Structure formats: structure tokens, C-alpha cells
Amino acid sequence: MIDLNGQHGVTQQYKNSYDEGTKYQDFIAVKFNLCCYSNRQNQYDKGENTLGMEIKYDHRFEETHNLYLEIKEKTNKNNFEFVPSGIYSNTHWLYLIGNYKIAFVFSTKIMRTYFERRPELFKKVETLTSIGYLLNLEQANIYCINKFYF
């Protein structure tokens, strides 16, 4: 995640999503006793926390029973190109995604391999600001390396 203080060109939707995500990150940090980095340079260099785990809140999971694993993003639809994020960010080896009832943990290395070698297994989704893959609940249970209930 990035520090949005003083950043230009990010949309209100991105800011809202960022705020929602940091609240969930705090929730997970407390549950797993994680030390999270708040300094922007540390986040870029080391990732979100000392464990090396990207934390994502999927606010639609309970409604859709799908997880959205992002691979690229833009902070604004007018930005020229997408940048690697989520599963393709190089600052972590684990990817936790879920909500306040359940969280799935994936190996970024394993999921990258599936996305690159067997993309037909997943539904690819592209919006103006994000590219990723949808995993239904059955796929999430197959490909996750761990699952936690809260």
C-alpha cells in the first residue's frame, strides 16, 4: 500500500478503497500479531509487514463468493500504464485476502505459476484501474495454502 498524503492523481474511489484496506490490514495485524510498516519507503522496499504478506480486503466476497486477486493496478484511470500489484508485487511471498469472517492465504509464487501457465482456469477481469483474476470459492479452497475463520 502507499501513503496517499500529498499524492496527486488518485481518485476518491481509490482513497476510499485504500482506507477500507488499511482498516482490514489493522484487523489482520492484530489477529496475527504482525508488525506493519507505516513508512512509505519501508513499504516499497520491504512490503506491508515483517512477515512478507500482502493483505487485501475483498468487500464483495460474502455477496459473490469470489475472490479477486489483483495482478496490476493504476491509482487513476488516466495514468498511462498499469503497474504490478497484488500477486505480482515483489515485496511479499504470501497473499492474504478475505473479509472479517474468513481469510485465505496464497503463495504468490504458486499463483503466479498458475496464472502464467494455466490462465484458462480462472476468469480474468480488467477494469479501468485494475487487472486480476476471479477465484470462486471452490478454487479458493483448492489453491489456498491456508484458511482462517474469525
Protein backbone atom coordinates (compact mmCIF):
# COMPACT_ATOMS: atom_id res chain seq x y z
CA MET A 1 0.00 0.00 0.00
CA ILE A 2 1.08 3.58 -0.41
CA ASP A 3 0.84 6.68 1.71
CA LEU A 4 -1.65 8.96 -0.02
CA ASN A 5 -0.63 12.11 1.84
CA GLY A 6 0.48 14.62 -0.74
CA GLN A 7 -0.09 12.21 -3.67
CA HIS A 8 -1.76 13.70 -6.72
CA GLY A 9 -3.85 11.95 -9.32
CA VAL A 10 -5.57 9.38 -7.10
CA THR A 11 -9.33 9.15 -7.32
CA GLN A 12 -11.75 9.37 -4.42
CA GLN A 13 -12.69 5.74 -5.08
CA TYR A 14 -9.02 4.75 -4.74
CA LYS A 15 -8.74 6.71 -1.47
CA ASN A 16 -11.88 5.04 -0.10
CA SER A 17 -10.62 1.61 -1.11
CA TYR A 18 -7.23 2.41 0.46
CA ASP A 19 -8.91 3.43 3.74
CA GLU A 20 -11.06 0.28 3.76
CA GLY A 21 -7.97 -1.82 3.06
CA THR A 22 -5.86 -0.28 5.82
CA LYS A 23 -8.67 -0.93 8.34
CA TYR A 24 -8.67 -4.58 7.29
CA GLN A 25 -4.87 -4.68 7.41
CA ASP A 26 -5.02 -3.44 11.02
CA PHE A 27 -7.62 -6.12 11.83
CA ILE A 28 -5.36 -8.86 10.41
CA ALA A 29 -2.25 -7.38 12.07
CA VAL A 30 -3.93 -7.66 15.47
CA LYS A 31 -5.19 -11.21 14.78
CA PHE A 32 -1.73 -12.43 13.68
CA ASN A 33 0.37 -10.12 15.87
CA LEU A 34 2.10 -8.64 12.80
CA CYS A 35 4.40 -5.65 12.79
CA CYS A 36 3.26 -3.49 9.85
CA TYR A 37 5.38 -0.81 8.21
CA SER A 38 3.83 2.65 8.12
CA ASN A 39 6.74 4.41 6.41
CA ARG A 40 6.22 4.62 2.63
CA GLN A 41 9.85 3.78 1.78
CA ASN A 42 9.78 0.71 4.03
CA GLN A 43 6.55 -0.41 2.36
CA TYR A 44 8.12 -0.09 -1.08
CA ASP A 45 11.36 -1.80 -0.03
CA LYS A 46 10.09 -4.44 2.41
CA GLY A 47 6.34 -4.77 1.89
CA GLU A 48 3.46 -4.19 4.26
CA ASN A 49 4.78 -6.17 7.22
CA THR A 50 7.65 -8.16 8.66
CA LEU A 51 6.12 -11.48 7.58
CA GLY A 52 6.16 -10.56 3.88
CA MET A 53 2.39 -10.96 3.46
CA GLU A 54 0.25 -8.73 1.24
CA ILE A 55 -3.12 -8.14 2.90
CA LYS A 56 -6.22 -7.42 0.81
CA TYR A 57 -9.81 -6.85 1.84
CA ASP A 58 -12.40 -8.27 -0.56
CA HIS A 59 -15.57 -6.41 0.37
CA ARG A 60 -17.65 -8.34 -2.20
CA PHE A 61 -16.66 -11.89 -1.21
CA GLU A 62 -19.67 -12.51 1.04
CA GLU A 63 -22.00 -11.39 -1.76
CA THR A 64 -20.28 -13.07 -4.74
CA HIS A 65 -18.36 -15.99 -3.17
CA ASN A 66 -15.49 -14.98 -5.49
CA LEU A 67 -12.07 -13.63 -4.53
CA TYR A 68 -10.43 -11.01 -6.71
CA LEU A 69 -6.66 -11.50 -6.90
CA GLU A 70 -5.22 -8.34 -8.38
CA ILE A 71 -2.12 -8.52 -10.58
CA LYS A 72 -1.86 -4.91 -11.86
CA GLU A 73 -3.27 -1.52 -10.87
CA LYS A 74 -3.49 2.17 -11.63
CA THR A 75 -4.17 4.81 -8.99
CA ASN A 76 -6.08 6.75 -11.66
CA LYS A 77 -7.64 5.57 -14.93
CA ASN A 78 -5.80 8.38 -16.75
CA ASN A 79 -2.37 7.03 -15.78
CA PHE A 80 -0.51 5.76 -18.82
CA GLU A 81 0.11 2.18 -17.77
CA PHE A 82 -0.67 -0.42 -15.16
CA VAL A 83 1.96 -1.33 -12.54
CA PRO A 84 2.43 -4.76 -10.94
CA SER A 85 0.49 -5.19 -7.71
CA GLY A 86 -1.13 -7.82 -5.55
CA ILE A 87 0.09 -11.27 -6.57
CA TYR A 88 2.73 -9.67 -8.83
CA SER A 89 4.17 -7.24 -6.30
CA ASN A 90 7.76 -8.22 -5.48
CA THR A 91 7.63 -7.22 -1.81
CA HIS A 92 5.95 -10.32 -0.41
CA TRP A 93 5.72 -14.09 -0.74
CA LEU A 94 2.28 -14.55 0.82
CA TYR A 95 -1.03 -13.04 -0.22
CA LEU A 96 -3.89 -12.93 2.29
CA ILE A 97 -7.33 -11.95 1.05
CA GLY A 98 -10.71 -12.12 2.71
CA ASN A 99 -13.15 -10.30 4.93
CA TYR A 100 -13.90 -10.06 8.65
CA LYS A 101 -15.24 -13.65 8.76
CA ILE A 102 -12.73 -15.60 6.66
CA ALA A 103 -9.28 -15.11 5.11
CA PHE A 104 -7.44 -17.19 2.52
CA VAL A 105 -3.65 -17.28 2.26
CA PHE A 106 -1.99 -17.95 -1.09
CA SER A 107 1.62 -18.42 -2.12
CA THR A 108 2.41 -15.68 -4.64
CA LYS A 109 4.88 -17.96 -6.41
CA ILE A 110 2.33 -20.75 -6.86
CA MET A 111 -0.45 -18.39 -8.02
CA ARG A 112 1.85 -16.63 -10.50
CA THR A 113 2.73 -20.02 -11.95
CA TYR A 114 -0.96 -20.91 -12.37
CA PHE A 115 -1.82 -17.51 -13.87
CA GLU A 116 1.04 -17.78 -16.37
CA ARG A 117 0.80 -21.46 -17.29
CA ARG A 118 -2.93 -22.17 -16.88
CA PRO A 119 -4.77 -18.83 -17.20
CA GLU A 120 -7.78 -20.58 -18.72
CA LEU A 121 -8.58 -21.97 -15.26
CA PHE A 122 -9.52 -18.51 -14.00
CA LYS A 123 -11.74 -15.66 -15.09
CA LYS A 124 -9.62 -12.62 -15.95
CA VAL A 125 -11.16 -9.25 -15.08
CA GLU A 126 -9.96 -5.88 -16.31
CA THR A 127 -11.34 -2.51 -15.23
CA LEU A 128 -10.08 0.98 -15.92
CA THR A 129 -7.83 0.80 -12.84
CA SER A 130 -7.23 -2.89 -12.09
CA ILE A 131 -6.44 -6.24 -13.69
CA GLY A 132 -6.84 -9.50 -11.85
CA TYR A 133 -8.36 -12.95 -11.69
CA LEU A 134 -11.52 -14.17 -10.00
CA LEU A 135 -11.38 -17.37 -7.98
CA ASN A 136 -14.68 -18.92 -6.98
CA LEU A 137 -14.99 -20.47 -3.53
CA GLU A 138 -14.13 -23.96 -4.78
CA GLN A 139 -10.96 -22.69 -6.47
CA ALA A 140 -10.02 -20.64 -3.42
CA ASN A 141 -10.23 -23.75 -1.26
CA ILE A 142 -8.12 -25.74 -3.73
CA TYR A 143 -5.35 -23.19 -4.32
CA CYS A 144 -5.02 -21.56 -0.90
CA ILE A 145 -2.25 -22.77 1.37
CA ASN A 146 -4.19 -21.88 4.50
CA LYS A 147 -7.56 -20.52 5.59
CA PHE A 148 -8.61 -18.73 8.77
CA TYR A 149 -12.06 -18.16 10.28
CA PHE A 150 -12.73 -15.23 12.61
